[in-house]
């Protein structure tokens, strides 16, 4: 179908209980001749995902619009994939302190909060039954930007 102009566009994103509901985005009109080749005059559409529980998720999205003949059309759009590393935002002022200093400050804060609460602040999302080589590959491949120091042996040690 050839649409030169579309009207009353509504972009919708479905969210799970892990994220706050996202309001539909309403766009009055899009014109192919001015929007078909993006330039500096084009406006970027942004959705803010507010986690209730920060978990990686896949969100379905759809659009409803009217064409020049007044026919209402709807379609599913590509899924929006929010990966684990997308959940983290860069901290403002991080350049002023090292990652190690930041970790120490956060660890101290969490430890103090734990002392003041009745909970022991432990939660396990999943357990991986994998060997050391696979573990190192996963950590280096996915969490390299978040590593504070590299040790000869890597692992997660929990006091149980």
Protein backbone atom coordinates (compact mmCIF):
# COMPACT_ATOMS: atom_id res chain seq x y z
CA UNK A 1 0.00 0.00 0.00
CA UNK A 2 1.28 3.42 -0.91
CA UNK A 3 0.67 6.08 1.75
CA UNK A 4 1.90 9.59 0.99
CA UNK A 5 0.30 11.02 4.13
CA UNK A 6 -1.04 9.36 7.25
CA UNK A 7 -3.12 11.01 9.96
CA UNK A 8 -4.08 10.58 13.61
CA UNK A 9 -1.19 8.22 14.32
CA UNK A 10 -1.19 6.43 17.67
CA UNK A 11 1.93 4.53 18.71
CA UNK A 12 1.26 2.01 21.48
CA UNK A 13 3.71 -0.05 23.59
CA UNK A 14 2.50 -2.95 25.76
CA UNK A 15 4.29 -3.24 29.09
CA UNK A 16 4.48 -6.00 31.67
CA UNK A 17 3.98 -5.61 35.42
CA UNK A 18 7.75 -5.11 35.71
CA UNK A 19 7.42 -1.68 34.06
CA UNK A 20 5.07 1.29 34.45
CA UNK A 21 2.51 1.72 31.71
CA UNK A 22 3.68 3.88 28.81
CA UNK A 23 1.24 6.48 27.52
CA UNK A 24 0.34 6.22 23.85
CA UNK A 25 2.12 8.69 21.60
CA UNK A 26 -0.17 10.72 19.32
CA UNK A 27 1.15 12.27 16.10
CA UNK A 28 -1.27 14.38 14.03
CA UNK A 29 0.26 13.80 10.58
CA UNK A 30 3.24 12.32 8.78
CA UNK A 31 4.06 13.26 5.20
CA UNK A 32 6.26 10.89 3.17
CA UNK A 33 7.78 13.69 1.12
CA UNK A 34 9.12 15.45 4.23
CA UNK A 35 9.63 12.40 6.50
CA UNK A 36 10.78 9.76 4.01
CA UNK A 37 14.34 11.03 4.06
CA UNK A 38 15.19 12.07 7.65
CA UNK A 39 17.21 15.24 8.11
CA UNK A 40 17.86 17.74 10.89
CA UNK A 41 14.23 18.98 10.82
CA UNK A 42 12.88 15.55 11.78
CA UNK A 43 11.90 14.93 15.39
CA UNK A 44 12.96 11.82 17.24
CA UNK A 45 10.34 9.80 19.10
CA UNK A 46 11.38 8.64 22.56
CA UNK A 47 9.66 6.29 25.00
CA UNK A 48 10.71 6.24 28.64
CA UNK A 49 10.67 2.84 30.33
CA UNK A 50 10.21 3.16 34.09
CA UNK A 51 11.00 -0.13 35.82
CA UNK A 52 9.02 -1.33 38.82
CA UNK A 53 11.40 -4.29 38.85
CA UNK A 54 14.37 -3.80 36.52
CA UNK A 55 14.29 -6.94 34.42
CA UNK A 56 15.27 -7.46 30.79
CA UNK A 57 12.05 -7.50 28.75
CA UNK A 58 10.56 -7.61 25.29
CA UNK A 59 7.75 -5.16 24.57
CA UNK A 60 5.30 -5.47 21.71
CA UNK A 61 4.36 -2.28 19.91
CA UNK A 62 1.69 -1.30 17.43
CA UNK A 63 0.46 1.68 15.42
CA UNK A 64 -3.01 2.80 14.35
CA UNK A 65 -3.50 5.55 11.75
CA UNK A 66 -5.82 6.86 9.05
CA UNK A 67 -4.82 7.17 5.41
CA UNK A 68 -5.73 9.93 2.92
CA UNK A 69 -8.98 8.13 2.01
CA UNK A 70 -10.08 8.02 5.68
CA UNK A 71 -9.47 4.28 6.09
CA UNK A 72 -8.21 3.25 9.54
CA UNK A 73 -5.23 0.91 9.48
CA UNK A 74 -3.32 -0.88 12.22
CA UNK A 75 -0.22 -3.03 12.34
CA UNK A 76 2.21 -4.61 14.77
CA UNK A 77 5.67 -3.03 14.83
CA UNK A 78 8.95 -4.74 15.62
CA UNK A 79 9.37 -5.76 19.26
CA UNK A 80 11.33 -3.42 21.50
CA UNK A 81 14.04 -5.40 23.27
CA UNK A 82 15.36 -4.03 26.55
CA UNK A 83 18.51 -5.95 27.48
CA UNK A 84 20.10 -6.18 30.90
CA UNK A 85 22.80 -3.63 30.06
CA UNK A 86 20.16 -1.17 28.74
CA UNK A 87 18.72 -0.85 32.25
CA UNK A 88 21.82 0.96 33.54
CA UNK A 89 22.28 4.65 32.89
CA UNK A 90 25.66 6.32 33.16
CA UNK A 91 25.99 8.00 36.53
CA UNK A 92 26.49 11.76 36.41
CA UNK A 93 29.87 12.82 37.70
CA UNK A 94 31.33 9.32 37.38
CA UNK A 95 34.47 10.79 35.82
CA UNK A 96 35.27 12.46 39.16
CA UNK A 97 35.75 9.12 40.99
CA UNK A 98 37.06 5.72 39.97
CA UNK A 99 34.84 2.67 39.51
CA UNK A 100 36.49 1.14 42.57
CA UNK A 101 35.65 4.20 44.71
CA UNK A 102 32.07 4.16 43.41
CA UNK A 103 31.73 0.46 44.23
CA UNK A 104 33.14 0.99 47.74
CA UNK A 105 30.71 3.86 48.40
CA UNK A 106 27.72 1.88 47.09
CA UNK A 107 28.77 -1.22 49.02
CA UNK A 108 29.09 0.82 52.23
CA UNK A 109 25.66 2.43 51.66
CA UNK A 110 23.97 -0.94 50.97
CA UNK A 111 25.68 -2.49 53.99
CA UNK A 112 24.45 0.35 56.24
CA UNK A 113 20.90 0.03 54.84
CA UNK A 114 20.98 -3.70 55.47
CA UNK A 115 21.99 -3.17 59.11
CA UNK A 116 18.97 -0.85 59.59
CA UNK A 117 16.41 -3.21 58.00
CA UNK A 118 14.92 -6.53 59.04
CA UNK A 119 15.78 -8.23 55.75
CA UNK A 120 19.02 -9.81 54.70
CA UNK A 121 18.79 -8.30 51.19
CA UNK A 122 19.40 -11.52 49.29
CA UNK A 123 17.55 -12.42 46.12
CA UNK A 124 18.48 -14.98 43.52
CA UNK A 125 17.09 -14.53 40.02
CA UNK A 126 18.58 -17.72 38.63
CA UNK A 127 21.43 -20.14 39.12
CA UNK A 128 23.68 -21.18 36.28
CA UNK A 129 25.18 -24.65 36.29
CA UNK A 130 28.14 -23.90 34.02
CA UNK A 131 31.85 -24.49 34.12
CA UNK A 132 34.50 -21.90 34.92
CA UNK A 133 35.50 -21.37 31.28
CA UNK A 134 31.91 -20.68 30.19
CA UNK A 135 31.41 -18.39 33.21
CA UNK A 136 34.49 -16.32 32.32
CA UNK A 137 33.33 -16.10 28.69
CA UNK A 138 29.90 -14.84 29.76
CA UNK A 139 31.27 -12.33 32.27
CA UNK A 140 33.89 -10.92 29.90
CA UNK A 141 31.51 -10.93 26.93
CA UNK A 142 28.55 -9.28 28.64
CA UNK A 143 29.75 -7.47 31.74
CA UNK A 144 33.23 -6.25 30.76
CA UNK A 145 32.23 -2.55 31.02
CA UNK A 146 31.04 -3.17 34.59
CA UNK A 147 34.12 -5.04 35.88
CA UNK A 148 36.04 -3.13 38.54
CA UNK A 149 39.18 -5.24 38.62
CA UNK A 150 40.36 -8.29 36.76
CA UNK A 151 41.50 -11.15 38.97
CA UNK A 152 43.19 -14.37 37.95
CA UNK A 153 40.12 -16.29 39.17
CA UNK A 154 36.66 -14.85 38.60
CA UNK A 155 33.58 -15.94 40.44
CA UNK A 156 30.68 -14.85 42.51
CA UNK A 157 31.01 -15.75 46.14
CA UNK A 158 28.00 -15.52 48.43
CA UNK A 159 27.90 -16.05 52.14
CA UNK A 160 24.97 -18.40 52.74
